[in-house]
Amino acid sequence: MKRMKKQRENIRSQMSDAKRLSELRIVLMGYKAAGKSSAGNSILGREEFDLKRSAQCVRRHGGVADRHITVIEAPGWWKNEPIEESPELLKQEIVLSVSLCPPGPQAVLLIIRVDIGFKEDERKVLQGYLDLLGERVWSHTIVLFTHGDSLLDTSIEQHIESEGQDLRWLLDKCGNRYHVLNNQNRSDHTQIKELLEKIEETVAQNNSCHFEIDRKILQEMKERRRAEEERAEERMKRMKKQRDDIRSQMSEAQRLSELRIVLMGYRAAGKSSTGNSILGREEFDLKRSAQCVRRHGEVADRHITVNEAPGWWRNYTVEDSPELLKQEILLSVSLCPPGPHAVLLIIRVDTRFKEIHRKAVQGHLDLLGERVWSHTIVLFTCGDSLLDTSIEQHIESEGQDLQWLLDKCGNRYHVLNNQNRSDHTQIKELLEKIEETVAQNNGCHFEINRKLLQEIKERRRAEEERAEERMKRITKRRDNIRSQMSDAQRLSELRIVLMGYKLAGKSSAGNLILGREEFDLKRSAQCVRRHGE
């Protein structure tokens, strides 16, 4: 506190009245739900920013304390998600945000909630995003803590020191510039007055200069965005023409009274939610299953069968997946005989789709043979995160791996917002796209190679017999041992060593055995010993 107070007094003593700025340009940056929109509304003194998220930068103006204020809100990132996992469009918007208040912002307000912890993961994520703007941005950055009301009678300095080295690193990186805002108490104008003074002091520290991003970086970004928008427009036209051509050749007789669908994708992609959206009710349990799950329902005068295959780990290629999972994927298309009309490949739209993910998808679908691709539609979930961005813009900005996948699937795709089940048009349009896919395949469903399916079924049967035999063997052995044990052989002390590869779950197993959190889940290079009753 003393350090910041002294720093501010030194700056103010060197500032003349002429350095009181009549115009301020501010960029708000931070993770989702940090309070950026509320902070913008507090600064401008009215509801200018919609509290709903936007995928694009939002600019607002206002007169505050005899100053003209421009506030730019950049879209937020997921708090714990590394920059490498974020969509390209988000990174582009962050870079472009500082160009929307020319000639550049006098301050970047980095918004952080004071009521939740700030750990190493958050610090690394935040650092990654600000580094997109170059090293110089840090000298123009002020950390703005929101939810200041949660501090109660604790000072912000006490909070900073108690949070640990990651928050302290951030404050040091920003030249110990910070401010606390209580967005619930807009009537306290002193908090905004003081924030604007701190921004003026930041400008004075930077020799009255604003922040300006490297023009070459900005130009490259704008050119890339322009090219992506042109390709997005072209993709949208291509899909529309493709659909129109198919529909014009379809007769009423080709409107199917029955549809058989298989949902496929990595874990947590939204397969179960999608199944529930299609059927219009909670048929699929959102808990994971290691086996295929089949459900039926009547939707838009059609009998719908939906089969959900278990998911693979997103970053695991097919070689890393267990044999049982691969067998279930193969069997999934046989559980809606004579075969599915469409395979819906589920992909989240709010995370990156990189080469490793493309290889994982390709490997798992290739288990079904090359023909499966002509029956596959890419179904993007978490469509609400697109907000005011088109799916085509997302596809073109994500790069060649996602584009390869769309091309492999004949440019068939659909976006679903599983949070908005009341919008029946999105399911109606999906079912129409499935009918069009069937028409493209000359009215035929997908059918896996029968020889391959027979081999899998025989192998599964043999494995189940061996599993039953193993279970009987171990049960018999345990019963034999217990029958020969006396009560005296019940040990009052047990000594156990846990051994295994990293991330196998040794610490968690130790905690389960002892019935409490004795082992830290962080890795250790040395043996750790714990005791318990």
Protein backbone atom coordinates (compact mmCIF):
# COMPACT_ATOMS: atom_id res chain seq x y z
CA MET A 1 0.00 0.00 0.00
CA LYS A 2 2.82 2.40 0.98
CA ARG A 3 4.70 1.57 -2.22
CA MET A 4 1.68 2.34 -4.42
CA LYS A 5 0.84 5.51 -2.47
CA LYS A 6 4.42 6.80 -2.79
CA GLN A 7 4.49 5.88 -6.50
CA ARG A 8 1.25 7.79 -7.12
CA GLU A 9 2.39 10.86 -5.14
CA ASN A 10 5.66 11.01 -7.11
CA ILE A 11 3.80 10.86 -10.42
CA ARG A 12 1.15 13.44 -9.37
CA SER A 13 3.87 15.84 -8.14
CA GLN A 14 5.43 15.80 -11.62
CA MET A 15 2.13 16.21 -13.46
CA SER A 16 0.92 19.66 -14.48
CA ASP A 17 -2.76 20.62 -14.81
CA ALA A 18 -2.22 20.44 -18.54
CA LYS A 19 -1.66 16.72 -18.19
CA ARG A 20 -5.24 16.21 -17.02
CA LEU A 21 -6.66 14.54 -20.11
CA SER A 22 -9.94 15.63 -21.69
CA GLU A 23 -10.18 12.32 -23.56
CA LEU A 24 -9.52 8.80 -22.30
CA ARG A 25 -9.44 5.60 -24.36
CA ILE A 26 -9.72 2.38 -22.38
CA VAL A 27 -9.69 -1.32 -23.32
CA LEU A 28 -11.27 -3.84 -20.93
CA MET A 29 -9.70 -7.29 -21.03
CA GLY A 30 -10.09 -10.45 -18.97
CA TYR A 31 -11.59 -13.90 -18.68
CA LYS A 32 -15.29 -14.68 -19.08
CA ALA A 33 -17.56 -13.60 -16.20
CA ALA A 34 -14.78 -11.46 -14.66
CA GLY A 35 -17.05 -8.41 -14.75
CA LYS A 36 -15.85 -6.54 -17.87
CA SER A 37 -19.31 -5.36 -19.01
CA SER A 38 -20.26 -4.29 -15.48
CA ALA A 39 -16.94 -2.43 -15.16
CA GLY A 40 -17.64 -0.65 -18.46
CA ASN A 41 -21.10 0.35 -17.23
CA SER A 42 -19.64 1.60 -13.95
CA ILE A 43 -17.05 3.72 -15.77
CA LEU A 44 -19.62 5.29 -18.11
CA GLY A 45 -22.21 5.63 -15.34
CA ARG A 46 -25.00 3.90 -17.26
CA GLU A 47 -26.02 0.57 -18.85
CA GLU A 48 -24.09 0.77 -22.12
CA PHE A 49 -22.71 -2.77 -22.22
CA ASP A 50 -25.04 -5.75 -22.48
CA LEU A 51 -24.17 -8.28 -19.77
CA LYS A 52 -24.61 -11.10 -22.31
CA ARG A 53 -21.33 -12.28 -23.81
CA SER A 54 -20.19 -11.18 -27.25
CA ALA A 55 -17.72 -12.93 -29.54
CA GLN A 56 -16.64 -9.57 -30.92
CA CYS A 57 -15.29 -6.36 -29.43
CA VAL A 58 -17.87 -3.82 -28.26
CA ARG A 59 -17.19 -0.05 -28.25
CA ARG A 60 -19.10 2.53 -26.21
CA HIS A 61 -18.64 6.26 -25.47
CA GLY A 62 -19.68 8.69 -22.78
CA GLY A 63 -18.91 11.89 -20.91
CA VAL A 64 -17.55 11.30 -17.39
CA ALA A 65 -16.07 13.90 -15.00
CA ASP A 66 -15.57 16.42 -17.83
CA ARG A 67 -13.77 13.85 -19.96
CA HIS A 68 -14.81 12.09 -23.17
CA ILE A 69 -14.39 8.38 -22.46
CA THR A 70 -14.17 5.59 -25.06
CA VAL A 71 -14.40 2.08 -23.65
CA ILE A 72 -13.67 -1.05 -25.71
CA GLU A 73 -14.64 -4.42 -24.26
CA ALA A 74 -12.67 -7.33 -25.73
CA PRO A 75 -14.33 -10.78 -25.61
CA GLY A 76 -13.23 -12.93 -22.69
CA TRP A 77 -11.37 -16.21 -22.55
CA TRP A 78 -12.07 -19.28 -20.41
CA LYS A 79 -10.29 -18.73 -17.08
CA ASN A 80 -8.38 -22.03 -17.00
CA GLU A 81 -8.04 -22.76 -20.71
CA PRO A 82 -4.55 -22.29 -22.19
CA ILE A 83 -4.27 -19.86 -25.08
CA GLU A 84 -3.31 -22.77 -27.34
CA GLU A 85 -6.82 -24.21 -26.84
CA SER A 86 -8.69 -20.99 -27.64
CA PRO A 87 -10.39 -20.35 -30.98
CA GLU A 88 -8.41 -18.23 -33.44
CA LEU A 89 -11.27 -15.72 -33.71
CA LEU A 90 -10.94 -14.88 -30.01
CA LYS A 91 -7.20 -14.23 -30.34
CA GLN A 92 -7.81 -12.05 -33.38
CA GLU A 93 -10.43 -9.99 -31.52
CA ILE A 94 -8.03 -9.39 -28.63
CA VAL A 95 -5.35 -8.13 -31.03
CA LEU A 96 -7.88 -5.96 -32.92
CA SER A 97 -9.39 -4.52 -29.69
CA VAL A 98 -6.54 -2.05 -29.21
CA SER A 99 -7.03 -0.67 -32.74
CA LEU A 100 -10.70 0.24 -32.22
CA CYS A 101 -9.98 3.46 -30.31
CA PRO A 102 -7.43 5.18 -32.58
CA PRO A 103 -4.67 6.13 -32.22
CA GLY A 104 -4.62 3.61 -29.36
CA PRO A 105 -5.75 3.06 -25.74
CA GLN A 106 -4.16 5.01 -22.91
CA ALA A 107 -4.81 2.07 -20.59
CA VAL A 108 -5.67 -1.60 -20.71
CA LEU A 109 -7.73 -2.58 -17.68
CA LEU A 110 -7.10 -6.22 -16.87
CA ILE A 111 -10.24 -7.40 -15.07
CA ILE A 112 -9.87 -9.97 -12.28
CA ARG A 113 -12.44 -11.07 -9.73
CA VAL A 114 -11.27 -10.52 -6.18
CA ASP A 115 -13.63 -13.15 -4.74
CA ILE A 116 -12.00 -16.21 -6.36
CA GLY A 117 -8.46 -17.55 -6.21
CA PHE A 118 -5.75 -16.60 -8.69
CA LYS A 119 -3.43 -19.55 -9.26
CA GLU A 120 -0.56 -20.43 -11.57
CA ASP A 121 -2.90 -21.76 -14.30
CA GLU A 122 -4.86 -18.49 -14.45
CA ARG A 123 -1.63 -16.47 -14.45
CA LYS A 124 -0.19 -18.44 -17.39
CA VAL A 125 -3.44 -18.14 -19.37
CA LEU A 126 -3.68 -14.40 -18.76
CA GLN A 127 -0.01 -13.86 -19.61
CA GLY A 128 -0.47 -15.72 -22.89
CA TYR A 129 -3.32 -13.47 -24.01
CA LEU A 130 -1.64 -10.19 -23.11
CA ASP A 131 1.57 -11.33 -24.77
CA LEU A 132 -0.39 -11.39 -28.06
CA LEU A 133 -0.16 -7.59 -27.88
CA GLY A 134 3.60 -7.48 -27.28
CA GLU A 135 5.74 -6.78 -24.23
CA ARG A 136 5.00 -3.02 -24.21
CA VAL A 137 1.35 -3.56 -23.28
CA TRP A 138 2.29 -4.33 -19.69
CA SER A 139 3.49 -0.75 -19.08
CA HIS A 140 -0.02 0.48 -20.00
CA THR A 141 -1.91 -2.14 -17.97
CA ILE A 142 -3.78 -1.63 -14.70
CA VAL A 143 -5.19 -4.62 -12.81
CA LEU A 144 -8.83 -3.86 -12.02
CA PHE A 145 -10.27 -6.05 -9.28
CA THR A 146 -14.06 -6.51 -9.48
CA HIS A 147 -16.47 -7.76 -6.77
CA GLY A 148 -14.76 -5.39 -4.36
CA ASP A 149 -17.74 -5.72 -1.99
CA SER A 150 -16.56 -9.26 -1.15
CA LEU A 151 -13.41 -7.85 0.52
CA LEU A 152 -15.55 -6.39 3.36
CA ASP A 153 -13.05 -5.12 5.97
CA THR A 154 -10.00 -6.69 4.27
CA SER A 155 -7.73 -4.35 2.33
CA ILE A 156 -6.87 -5.16 -1.27
CA GLU A 157 -3.21 -5.24 -0.26
CA GLN A 158 -3.93 -7.95 2.34
CA HIS A 159 -5.73 -9.92 -0.36
CA ILE A 160 -2.82 -9.55 -2.81
CA GLU A 161 -0.22 -10.71 -0.28
CA SER A 162 -2.34 -13.65 0.93
CA GLU A 163 -3.05 -14.92 -2.61
CA GLY A 164 0.58 -15.84 -3.20
CA GLN A 165 3.28 -15.38 -5.79
CA ASP A 166 1.19 -15.60 -8.98
CA LEU A 167 -0.96 -12.57 -8.19
CA ARG A 168 2.09 -10.70 -6.88
CA TRP A 169 3.94 -11.52 -10.13
CA LEU A 170 1.07 -10.01 -12.09
CA LEU A 171 1.04 -6.81 -10.04
CA ASP A 172 4.82 -6.46 -10.42
CA LYS A 173 4.50 -7.04 -14.18
CA CYS A 174 1.96 -4.18 -14.31
CA GLY A 175 4.22 -1.83 -12.34
CA ASN A 176 2.17 -2.25 -9.15
CA ARG A 177 -0.82 -0.49 -10.74
CA TYR A 178 -4.18 -1.73 -9.45
CA HIS A 179 -7.64 -0.58 -8.45
CA VAL A 180 -10.71 -2.13 -6.78
CA LEU A 181 -14.22 -1.65 -8.10
CA ASN A 182 -17.53 -2.48 -6.49
CA ASN A 183 -19.91 -2.66 -9.45
CA GLN A 184 -22.82 -3.12 -7.03
CA ASN A 185 -22.32 0.37 -5.63
CA ARG A 186 -22.52 2.68 -8.66
CA SER A 187 -23.53 5.62 -6.45
CA ASP A 188 -19.95 5.79 -5.10
CA HIS A 189 -18.49 8.06 -7.79
CA THR A 190 -15.16 8.35 -5.97
CA GLN A 191 -14.12 4.87 -7.12
CA ILE A 192 -14.46 5.88 -10.80
CA LYS A 193 -12.86 9.30 -10.18
CA GLU A 194 -9.84 7.59 -8.62
CA LEU A 195 -9.65 5.01 -11.43
CA LEU A 196 -9.56 7.79 -14.07
CA GLU A 197 -6.81 9.53 -12.09
CA LYS A 198 -4.80 6.29 -12.06
CA ILE A 199 -5.20 6.02 -15.82
CA GLU A 200 -3.88 9.59 -16.20
CA GLU A 201 -0.93 8.66 -13.99
CA THR A 202 -0.27 5.61 -16.18
CA VAL A 203 -0.20 7.89 -19.23
CA ALA A 204 2.25 10.20 -17.41
CA GLN A 205 4.47 7.18 -16.59
CA ASN A 206 4.55 6.43 -20.31
CA ASN A 207 5.69 9.98 -21.21
CA SER A 208 2.14 10.95 -22.19
CA CYS A 209 2.06 8.19 -24.82
CA HIS A 210 -0.79 5.81 -25.52
CA PHE A 211 -0.34 2.10 -26.30
CA GLU A 212 0.05 1.29 -29.96
CA ILE A 213 0.35 -2.25 -31.26
CA ASP A 214 3.00 -3.07 -33.85
CA ARG A 215 1.45 -1.94 -37.15
CA LYS A 216 2.82 -4.91 -39.05
CA ILE A 217 1.10 -7.37 -36.64
CA LEU A 218 -2.15 -5.40 -36.94
CA GLN A 219 -2.00 -5.24 -40.73
CA GLU A 220 -1.34 -8.98 -41.01
CA MET A 221 -4.26 -9.66 -38.66
CA LYS A 222 -6.65 -7.46 -40.65
CA GLU A 223 -5.63 -9.04 -43.96
CA ARG A 224 -6.06 -12.54 -42.51
CA ARG A 225 -9.49 -11.60 -41.12
CA ARG A 226 -10.57 -10.17 -44.49
CA ALA A 227 -9.46 -13.34 -46.34
CA GLU A 228 -11.26 -15.53 -43.77
CA GLU A 229 -14.50 -13.55 -44.12
CA GLU A 230 -14.37 -13.95 -47.91
CA ARG A 231 -13.81 -17.71 -47.59
CA ALA A 232 -16.60 -17.92 -44.97
CA GLU A 233 -19.00 -16.22 -47.39
CA GLU A 234 -17.93 -18.62 -50.14
CA ARG A 235 -18.40 -21.68 -47.88
CA MET A 236 -21.88 -20.52 -46.86
CA LYS A 237 -22.89 -20.04 -50.51
CA ARG A 238 -21.46 -23.45 -51.40
CA MET A 239 -23.42 -25.22 -48.68
CA LYS A 240 -26.62 -23.35 -49.55
CA LYS A 241 -26.28 -24.22 -53.25
CA GLN A 242 -25.49 -27.85 -52.39
CA ARG A 243 -28.62 -28.06 -50.21
CA ASP A 244 -30.82 -26.32 -52.80
CA ASP A 245 -29.63 -28.70 -55.53
CA ILE A 246 -30.35 -31.75 -53.39
CA ARG A 247 -33.80 -30.49 -52.26
CA SER A 248 -34.80 -29.68 -55.85
CA GLN A 249 -34.18 -33.30 -56.82
CA MET A 250 -35.92 -34.82 -53.80
CA SER A 251 -39.52 -35.94 -54.09
CA GLU A 252 -42.04 -35.95 -51.23
CA ALA A 253 -41.56 -39.72 -51.10
CA GLN A 254 -37.96 -39.14 -50.00
CA ARG A 255 -39.10 -37.47 -46.79
CA LEU A 256 -38.29 -40.27 -44.34
CA SER A 257 -40.76 -41.42 -41.69
CA GLU A 258 -37.92 -43.09 -39.82
CA LEU A 259 -34.40 -41.81 -39.10
CA ARG A 260 -31.54 -43.73 -37.51
CA ILE A 261 -28.71 -41.62 -36.11
CA VAL A 262 -25.36 -42.44 -34.46
CA LEU A 263 -23.68 -39.80 -32.28
CA MET A 264 -19.91 -39.97 -32.24
CA GLY A 265 -17.16 -37.75 -30.83
CA TYR A 266 -14.66 -37.18 -28.08
CA ARG A 267 -15.57 -37.06 -24.38
CA ALA A 268 -17.41 -33.96 -23.13
CA ALA A 269 -18.15 -32.85 -26.71
CA GLY A 270 -21.89 -32.79 -25.94
CA LYS A 271 -23.13 -36.11 -27.38
CA SER A 272 -25.68 -36.85 -24.64
CA SER A 273 -26.99 -33.27 -24.65
CA THR A 274 -27.33 -33.49 -28.43
CA GLY A 275 -29.29 -36.73 -28.16
CA ASN A 276 -31.62 -35.09 -25.65
CA SER A 277 -32.05 -32.05 -27.92
CA ILE A 278 -32.90 -34.25 -30.91
CA LEU A 279 -35.46 -36.30 -28.96
CA GLY A 280 -36.80 -33.25 -27.13
CA ARG A 281 -36.48 -34.78 -23.67
CA GLU A 282 -33.92 -36.11 -21.16
CA GLU A 283 -33.34 -39.59 -22.58
CA PHE A 284 -29.54 -39.74 -22.30
CA ASP A 285 -27.81 -39.58 -18.92
CA LEU A 286 -25.10 -36.91 -18.98
CA LYS A 287 -22.80 -39.29 -17.08
CA ARG A 288 -20.33 -41.12 -19.28
CA SER A 289 -20.93 -44.70 -20.34
CA ALA A 290 -18.35 -47.20 -21.61
CA GLN A 291 -20.99 -48.82 -23.81
CA CYS A 292 -23.30 -47.65 -26.57
CA VAL A 293 -26.66 -46.24 -25.45
CA ARG A 294 -29.75 -46.41 -27.69
CA ARG A 295 -32.90 -44.31 -27.32
CA HIS A 296 -36.06 -43.78 -29.41
CA GLY A 297 -38.64 -41.06 -29.84
CA GLU A 298 -41.15 -39.35 -32.12
CA VAL A 299 -39.96 -36.02 -33.54
CA ALA A 300 -41.63 -33.92 -36.27
CA ASP A 301 -43.76 -36.90 -37.42
CA ARG A 302 -40.72 -39.15 -37.67
CA HIS A 303 -39.67 -42.15 -35.61
CA ILE A 304 -36.12 -41.36 -34.48
CA THR A 305 -33.55 -43.85 -33.18
CA VAL A 306 -30.47 -42.25 -31.64
CA ASN A 307 -27.46 -44.34 -30.73
CA GLU A 308 -24.68 -42.71 -28.67
CA ALA A 309 -21.22 -44.28 -28.99
CA PRO A 310 -18.80 -43.80 -26.06
CA GLY A 311 -16.30 -41.00 -26.57
CA TRP A 312 -12.54 -41.04 -26.86
CA TRP A 313 -10.10 -38.71 -25.11
CA ARG A 314 -9.84 -35.57 -27.24
CA ASN A 315 -6.03 -35.64 -27.56
CA TYR A 316 -5.68 -39.43 -27.90
CA THR A 317 -5.15 -41.00 -31.29
CA VAL A 318 -6.91 -44.28 -32.02
CA GLU A 319 -3.70 -46.18 -31.16
CA ASP A 320 -3.95 -44.86 -27.57
CA SER A 321 -7.61 -45.84 -27.11
CA PRO A 322 -8.59 -49.05 -25.26
CA GLU A 323 -9.69 -52.00 -27.40
CA LEU A 324 -13.12 -52.04 -25.76
CA LEU A 325 -13.75 -48.45 -26.88
CA LYS A 326 -12.80 -49.24 -30.47
CA GLN A 327 -15.10 -52.28 -30.43
CA GLU A 328 -18.00 -50.16 -29.13
CA ILE A 329 -17.49 -47.62 -31.91
CA LEU A 330 -17.62 -50.44 -34.48
CA LEU A 331 -20.70 -51.99 -32.87
CA SER A 332 -22.51 -48.63 -32.57
CA VAL A 333 -23.53 -48.62 -36.24
CA SER A 334 -25.01 -52.13 -35.95
CA LEU A 335 -27.36 -51.24 -33.06
CA CYS A 336 -29.89 -49.47 -35.30
CA PRO A 337 -30.41 -52.11 -38.03
CA PRO A 338 -30.11 -52.17 -40.95
CA GLY A 339 -27.77 -49.19 -40.32
CA PRO A 340 -27.72 -45.46 -39.54
CA HIS A 341 -28.86 -42.84 -42.03
CA ALA A 342 -26.28 -40.44 -40.61
CA VAL A 343 -23.31 -40.34 -38.27
CA LEU A 344 -23.24 -37.04 -36.39
CA LEU A 345 -19.64 -36.17 -35.52
CA ILE A 346 -19.88 -33.97 -32.42
CA ILE A 347 -17.32 -31.17 -31.99
CA ARG A 348 -17.40 -28.26 -29.55
CA VAL A 349 -17.26 -24.90 -31.28
CA ASP A 350 -15.77 -23.09 -28.25
CA THR A 351 -12.38 -24.85 -28.27
CA ARG A 352 -9.55 -25.12 -30.77
CA PHE A 353 -9.47 -27.93 -33.32
CA LYS A 354 -5.84 -28.74 -34.01
CA GLU A 355 -3.90 -31.43 -35.84
CA ILE A 356 -3.92 -33.82 -32.86
CA HIS A 357 -7.73 -33.56 -32.65
CA ARG A 358 -8.10 -34.09 -36.38
CA LYS A 359 -5.89 -37.21 -36.22
CA ALA A 360 -7.95 -38.54 -33.28
CA VAL A 361 -11.25 -37.99 -35.14
CA GLN A 362 -9.90 -39.44 -38.38
CA GLY A 363 -8.47 -42.54 -36.70
CA HIS A 364 -11.64 -43.39 -34.79
CA LEU A 365 -13.95 -42.86 -37.79
CA ASP A 366 -11.64 -44.81 -40.09
CA LEU A 367 -12.40 -47.86 -37.93
CA LEU A 368 -15.75 -47.91 -39.75
CA GLY A 369 -14.23 -47.78 -43.22
CA GLU A 370 -13.87 -45.03 -45.83
CA ARG A 371 -17.60 -45.07 -46.77
CA VAL A 372 -18.64 -43.68 -43.39
CA TRP A 373 -17.45 -40.18 -44.37
CA SER A 374 -20.15 -39.86 -47.05
CA HIS A 375 -22.79 -40.38 -44.31
CA THR A 376 -21.17 -38.05 -41.76
CA ILE A 377 -22.34 -34.57 -40.73
CA VAL A 378 -20.15 -32.43 -38.43
CA LEU A 379 -22.37 -31.20 -35.60
CA PHE A 380 -20.95 -28.24 -33.68
CA THR A 381 -22.16 -27.98 -30.08
CA CYS A 382 -21.94 -25.00 -27.67
CA GLY A 383 -23.36 -22.90 -30.50
CA ASP A 384 -24.29 -20.19 -27.97
CA SER A 385 -20.58 -19.32 -27.68
CA LEU A 386 -20.54 -18.15 -31.31
CA LEU A 387 -22.88 -15.31 -30.37
CA ASP A 388 -22.64 -12.80 -33.26
CA THR A 389 -20.06 -14.80 -35.25
CA SER A 390 -21.13 -17.09 -38.08
CA ILE A 391 -20.10 -20.75 -38.02
CA GLU A 392 -18.42 -20.22 -41.39
CA GLN A 393 -16.20 -17.50 -39.92
CA HIS A 394 -15.24 -19.89 -37.14
CA ILE A 395 -14.42 -22.69 -39.61
CA GLU A 396 -12.25 -20.47 -41.80
CA SER A 397 -10.39 -18.89 -38.87
CA GLU A 398 -9.62 -22.22 -37.20
CA GLY A 399 -7.30 -23.34 -39.98
CA GLN A 400 -6.62 -26.29 -42.20
CA ASP A 401 -7.42 -29.17 -39.83
CA LEU A 402 -11.05 -28.18 -39.28
CA GLN A 403 -11.39 -27.28 -42.95
CA TRP A 404 -9.97 -30.69 -43.91
CA LEU A 405 -12.63 -32.35 -41.74
CA LEU A 406 -15.46 -30.36 -43.33
CA ASP A 407 -14.18 -31.19 -46.81
CA LYS A 408 -13.90 -34.87 -45.84
CA CYS A 409 -17.58 -34.76 -44.80
CA GLY A 410 -18.67 -33.14 -48.08
CA ASN A 411 -19.11 -29.71 -46.43
CA ARG A 412 -22.02 -31.02 -44.32
CA TYR A 413 -22.28 -29.28 -40.96
CA HIS A 414 -24.80 -27.93 -38.47
CA VAL A 415 -24.66 -25.85 -35.28
CA LEU A 416 -26.63 -26.74 -32.17
CA ASN A 417 -27.23 -24.71 -29.03
CA ASN A 418 -28.15 -27.37 -26.49
CA GLN A 419 -28.90 -24.60 -23.96
CA ASN A 420 -31.86 -23.42 -26.07
CA ARG A 421 -34.10 -26.47 -26.47
CA SER A 422 -37.13 -24.27 -27.10
CA ASP A 423 -35.72 -23.37 -30.55
CA HIS A 424 -37.22 -26.30 -32.50
CA THR A 425 -36.04 -24.89 -35.85
CA GLN A 426 -32.46 -26.02 -35.17
CA ILE A 427 -33.60 -29.69 -34.81
CA LYS A 428 -36.01 -29.40 -37.75
CA GLU A 429 -33.16 -28.15 -39.97
CA LEU A 430 -30.81 -30.89 -38.69
CA LEU A 431 -33.33 -33.61 -39.62
CA GLU A 432 -33.70 -32.05 -43.06
CA LYS A 433 -29.90 -32.14 -43.49
CA ILE A 434 -29.91 -35.83 -42.55
CA GLU A 435 -32.59 -36.49 -45.22
CA GLU A 436 -30.44 -34.62 -47.74
CA THR A 437 -27.44 -36.76 -46.76
CA VAL A 438 -29.52 -39.89 -47.43
CA ALA A 439 -30.56 -38.45 -50.82
CA GLN A 440 -26.88 -37.79 -51.64
CA ASN A 441 -26.26 -41.48 -50.92
CA ASN A 442 -28.99 -42.57 -53.35
CA GLY A 443 -31.46 -43.26 -50.56
CA CYS A 444 -29.07 -45.67 -48.83
CA HIS A 445 -28.11 -45.87 -45.15
CA PHE A 446 -24.58 -46.62 -43.92
CA GLU A 447 -23.76 -50.28 -43.43
CA ILE A 448 -20.48 -51.53 -42.03
CA ASN A 449 -18.59 -54.37 -43.70
CA ARG A 450 -20.37 -57.52 -42.46
CA LYS A 451 -17.20 -59.59 -42.26
CA LEU A 452 -15.55 -56.93 -40.04
CA LEU A 453 -18.66 -56.77 -37.83
CA GLN A 454 -18.78 -60.56 -37.49
CA GLU A 455 -15.12 -60.67 -36.46
CA ILE A 456 -15.70 -57.99 -33.80
CA LYS A 457 -18.74 -59.83 -32.39
CA GLU A 458 -16.85 -63.13 -32.22
CA ARG A 459 -13.86 -61.47 -30.57
CA ARG A 460 -16.15 -59.73 -28.06
CA ARG A 461 -17.90 -63.02 -27.25
CA ALA A 462 -14.55 -64.79 -26.67
CA GLU A 463 -13.34 -61.91 -24.45
CA GLU A 464 -16.53 -61.98 -22.37
CA GLU A 465 -16.12 -65.74 -21.83
CA ARG A 466 -12.50 -65.27 -20.72
CA ALA A 467 -13.54 -62.35 -18.46
CA GLU A 468 -16.19 -64.57 -16.81
CA GLU A 469 -13.60 -67.29 -16.34
CA ARG A 470 -11.11 -64.87 -14.80
CA MET A 471 -13.72 -63.50 -12.39
CA LYS A 472 -14.65 -67.03 -11.26
CA ARG A 473 -10.96 -67.90 -10.80
CA ILE A 474 -10.20 -64.89 -8.64
CA THR A 475 -13.40 -65.34 -6.56
CA LYS A 476 -12.54 -69.04 -5.96
CA ARG A 477 -8.97 -68.21 -5.02
CA ARG A 478 -10.08 -65.52 -2.54
CA ASP A 479 -12.71 -67.85 -1.01
CA ASN A 480 -10.07 -70.59 -0.57
CA ILE A 481 -7.64 -68.20 1.11
CA ARG A 482 -10.32 -66.69 3.43
CA SER A 483 -11.54 -70.18 4.45
CA GLN A 484 -8.04 -71.07 5.63
CA MET A 485 -7.45 -67.80 7.49
CA SER A 486 -8.07 -67.60 11.22
CA ASP A 487 -9.17 -64.45 13.06
CA ALA A 488 -5.64 -64.19 14.40
CA GLN A 489 -4.45 -63.64 10.84
CA ARG A 490 -6.41 -60.40 10.57
CA LEU A 491 -3.59 -57.84 10.63
CA SER A 492 -3.71 -54.81 12.95
CA GLU A 493 -1.13 -53.06 10.79
CA LEU A 494 -0.81 -52.85 7.01
CA ARG A 495 2.09 -51.34 5.05
CA ILE A 496 1.36 -50.48 1.41
CA VAL A 497 3.49 -49.07 -1.42
CA LEU A 498 1.76 -47.32 -4.33
CA MET A 499 3.60 -47.56 -7.63
CA GLY A 500 2.76 -46.58 -11.20
CA TYR A 501 3.31 -44.10 -14.01
CA LYS A 502 2.62 -40.37 -13.71
CA LEU A 503 -1.08 -39.41 -13.61
CA ALA A 504 -2.15 -43.02 -13.01
CA GLY A 505 -3.97 -41.94 -9.82
CA LYS A 506 -1.55 -42.96 -7.06
CA SER A 507 -2.24 -39.95 -4.82
CA SER A 508 -6.01 -40.29 -5.26
CA ALA A 509 -5.76 -44.03 -4.46
CA GLY A 510 -3.79 -43.21 -1.30
CA ASN A 511 -6.42 -40.69 -0.23
CA LEU A 512 -9.20 -43.23 -0.83
CA ILE A 513 -7.40 -45.87 1.23
CA LEU A 514 -6.85 -43.46 4.14
CA GLY A 515 -10.30 -41.92 3.78
CA ARG A 516 -9.06 -38.34 3.69
CA GLU A 517 -6.91 -35.92 1.66
CA GLU A 518 -3.45 -36.94 2.89
CA PHE A 519 -1.60 -36.98 -0.44
CA ASP A 520 -1.17 -33.77 -2.43
CA LEU A 521 -2.33 -34.34 -6.02
CA LYS A 522 0.69 -32.39 -7.28
CA ARG A 523 3.57 -34.59 -8.37
CA SER A 524 6.59 -35.14 -6.14
CA ALA A 525 10.09 -36.27 -7.15
CA GLN A 526 10.48 -38.05 -3.80
CA CYS A 527 8.60 -40.77 -1.95
CA VAL A 528 5.75 -39.56 0.26
CA ARG A 529 4.64 -41.47 3.37
CA ARG A 530 1.34 -41.06 5.17
CA HIS A 531 -0.42 -42.91 8.01
CA GLY A 532 -3.99 -43.40 9.13
CA GLU A 533 -6.50 -45.66 10.86
